C-alpha atoms as a PDB file:
ATOM      1  CA  UNK A   1      36.713 -64.439 141.505  1.00  0.00           C
ATOM      2  CA  UNK A   2      38.418 -61.488 143.141  1.00  0.00           C
ATOM      3  CA  UNK A   3      37.710 -60.287 146.643  1.00  0.00           C
ATOM      4  CA  UNK A   4      36.031 -57.287 145.177  1.00  0.00           C
ATOM      5  CA  UNK A   5      33.746 -59.510 143.205  1.00  0.00           C
ATOM      6  CA  UNK A   6      32.901 -61.692 146.308  1.00  0.00           C
ATOM      7  CA  UNK A   7      32.058 -58.355 148.213  1.00  0.00           C
ATOM      8  CA  UNK A   8      29.817 -57.236 145.522  1.00  0.00           C
ATOM      9  CA  UNK A   9      27.960 -60.446 145.418  1.00  0.00           C
ATOM     10  CA  UNK A  10      27.403 -60.554 149.242  1.00  0.00           C
ATOM     11  CA  UNK A  11      26.390 -56.803 149.224  1.00  0.00           C
ATOM     12  CA  UNK A  12      23.893 -57.530 146.394  1.00  0.00           C
ATOM     13  CA  UNK A  13      22.456 -60.396 147.987  1.00  0.00           C
ATOM     14  CA  UNK A  14      21.853 -58.405 151.382  1.00  0.00           C
ATOM     15  CA  UNK A  15      20.634 -55.269 149.454  1.00  0.00           C
ATOM     16  CA  UNK A  16      18.076 -57.444 147.464  1.00  0.00           C
ATOM     17  CA  UNK A  17      16.449 -58.361 150.905  1.00  0.00           C
ATOM     18  CA  UNK A  18      16.774 -55.002 152.569  1.00  0.00           C
ATOM     19  CA  UNK A  19      16.169 -52.454 149.999  1.00  0.00           C
ATOM     20  CA  UNK A  20      14.260 -54.634 147.247  1.00  0.00           C
ATOM     21  CA  UNK A  21      17.045 -54.089 144.631  1.00  0.00           C
ATOM     22  CA  UNK A  22      20.500 -55.734 144.230  1.00  0.00           C
ATOM     23  CA  UNK A  23      21.768 -52.413 142.891  1.00  0.00           C
ATOM     24  CA  UNK A  24      19.776 -49.466 144.427  1.00  0.00           C
ATOM     25  CA  UNK A  25      20.347 -45.940 143.557  1.00  0.00           C
ATOM     26  CA  UNK A  26      22.182 -44.207 146.595  1.00  0.00           C
ATOM     27  CA  UNK A  27      21.556 -40.701 148.078  1.00  0.00           C
ATOM     28  CA  UNK A  28      23.052 -38.499 150.785  1.00  0.00           C
ATOM     29  CA  UNK A  29      20.690 -38.404 153.932  1.00  0.00           C
ATOM     30  CA  UNK A  30      20.494 -37.469 157.377  1.00  0.00           C
ATOM     31  CA  UNK A  31      20.245 -39.476 160.616  1.00  0.00           C
ATOM     32  CA  UNK A  32      19.323 -37.165 163.089  1.00  0.00           C
ATOM     33  CA  UNK A  33      20.436 -33.555 163.213  1.00  0.00           C
ATOM     34  CA  UNK A  34      23.755 -32.782 161.691  1.00  0.00           C
ATOM     35  CA  UNK A  35      25.115 -29.268 161.215  1.00  0.00           C
ATOM     36  CA  UNK A  36      27.801 -30.690 159.010  1.00  0.00           C
ATOM     37  CA  UNK A  37      25.444 -31.647 156.291  1.00  0.00           C
ATOM     38  CA  UNK A  38      24.483 -35.214 155.537  1.00  0.00           C
ATOM     39  CA  UNK A  39      25.851 -37.714 157.823  1.00  0.00           C
ATOM     40  CA  UNK A  40      24.482 -40.877 156.071  1.00  0.00           C
ATOM     41  CA  UNK A  41      23.826 -42.745 152.828  1.00  0.00           C
ATOM     42  CA  UNK A  42      20.886 -44.829 151.815  1.00  0.00           C
ATOM     43  CA  UNK A  43      18.982 -46.180 148.973  1.00  0.00           C
ATOM     44  CA  UNK A  44      16.759 -43.643 147.075  1.00  0.00           C
ATOM     45  CA  UNK A  45      13.205 -43.632 148.693  1.00  0.00           C
ATOM     46  CA  UNK A  46      10.705 -44.673 146.199  1.00  0.00           C
ATOM     47  CA  UNK A  47       7.597 -43.736 148.284  1.00  0.00           C
ATOM     48  CA  UNK A  48       5.416 -41.307 146.275  1.00  0.00           C
ATOM     49  CA  UNK A  49       5.034 -38.975 149.510  1.00  0.00           C
ATOM     50  CA  UNK A  50       8.782 -38.664 149.960  1.00  0.00           C
ATOM     51  CA  UNK A  51      10.613 -36.510 147.462  1.00  0.00           C
ATOM     52  CA  UNK A  52      14.251 -36.863 148.590  1.00  0.00           C
ATOM     53  CA  UNK A  53      15.325 -33.697 146.590  1.00  0.00           C
ATOM     54  CA  UNK A  54      12.826 -31.654 149.061  1.00  0.00           C
ATOM     55  CA  UNK A  55      13.708 -33.536 152.142  1.00  0.00           C
ATOM     56  CA  UNK A  56      16.846 -35.597 152.270  1.00  0.00           C
ATOM     57  CA  UNK A  57      16.048 -36.958 155.844  1.00  0.00           C
ATOM     58  CA  UNK A  58      15.761 -40.806 156.300  1.00  0.00           C
ATOM     59  CA  UNK A  59      12.132 -41.700 157.316  1.00  0.00           C
ATOM     60  CA  UNK A  60      10.435 -45.036 158.052  1.00  0.00           C
ATOM     61  CA  UNK A  61       9.280 -45.217 154.286  1.00  0.00           C
ATOM     62  CA  UNK A  62      12.920 -45.219 153.214  1.00  0.00           C
ATOM     63  CA  UNK A  63      14.495 -48.395 152.385  1.00  0.00           C
ATOM     64  CA  UNK A  64      17.270 -50.047 154.415  1.00  0.00           C
ATOM     65  CA  UNK A  65      20.151 -49.974 155.016  1.00  0.00           C
ATOM     66  CA  UNK A  66      20.793 -46.325 155.978  1.00  0.00           C
ATOM     67  CA  UNK A  67      24.461 -46.117 156.837  1.00  0.00           C
ATOM     68  CA  UNK A  68      25.810 -43.425 159.031  1.00  0.00           C
ATOM     69  CA  UNK A  69      29.188 -42.125 157.877  1.00  0.00           C
ATOM     70  CA  UNK A  70      31.482 -39.173 158.426  1.00  0.00           C
ATOM     71  CA  UNK A  71      29.965 -36.145 156.567  1.00  0.00           C
ATOM     72  CA  UNK A  72      33.190 -35.861 154.626  1.00  0.00           C
ATOM     73  CA  UNK A  73      32.703 -39.264 153.064  1.00  0.00           C
ATOM     74  CA  UNK A  74      29.017 -38.946 152.109  1.00  0.00           C
ATOM     75  CA  UNK A  75      29.284 -37.525 148.607  1.00  0.00           C
ATOM     76  CA  UNK A  76      32.298 -39.788 147.695  1.00  0.00           C
ATOM     77  CA  UNK A  77      30.471 -42.977 148.938  1.00  0.00           C
ATOM     78  CA  UNK A  78      27.258 -42.045 147.079  1.00  0.00           C
ATOM     79  CA  UNK A  79      29.214 -41.473 143.754  1.00  0.00           C
ATOM     80  CA  UNK A  80      31.222 -44.583 144.204  1.00  0.00           C
ATOM     81  CA  UNK A  81      28.169 -46.963 144.837  1.00  0.00           C
ATOM     82  CA  UNK A  82      26.257 -45.306 141.968  1.00  0.00           C
ATOM     83  CA  UNK A  83      29.066 -45.495 139.594  1.00  0.00           C
ATOM     84  CA  UNK A  84      29.304 -49.246 140.423  1.00  0.00           C
ATOM     85  CA  UNK A  85      25.683 -49.568 139.826  1.00  0.00           C
ATOM     86  CA  UNK A  86      25.939 -47.898 136.441  1.00  0.00           C
ATOM     87  CA  UNK A  87      28.957 -50.029 135.396  1.00  0.00           C
ATOM     88  CA  UNK A  88      26.838 -53.201 136.442  1.00  0.00           C
ATOM     89  CA  UNK A  89      24.115 -52.003 134.029  1.00  0.00           C
ATOM     90  CA  UNK A  90      21.852 -50.266 136.523  1.00  0.00           C
ATOM     91  CA  UNK A  91      19.911 -47.345 135.260  1.00  0.00           C
ATOM     92  CA  UNK A  92      21.269 -43.892 135.358  1.00  0.00           C
ATOM     93  CA  UNK A  93      19.544 -41.559 137.951  1.00  0.00           C
END
């Protein structure tokens, strides 16, 4: 098994316990106030009262982990994680 495979398995085990899914769909989100756009990534919130397309802020209802990153990396990391999810057989958003 490659180092990438090992990292995927470790991440899947962690995500299963924190987000409820080994391969969650990811989205850009905000931690605090950022004038540069989203400054974090996190699994899509499945709470009926939180429609992420209307409010991309991370709230208590949102699954963990919410990962703060430089705003310039947000879109890349979301696309990378969602592509990995699709390649592993996860549903398309």
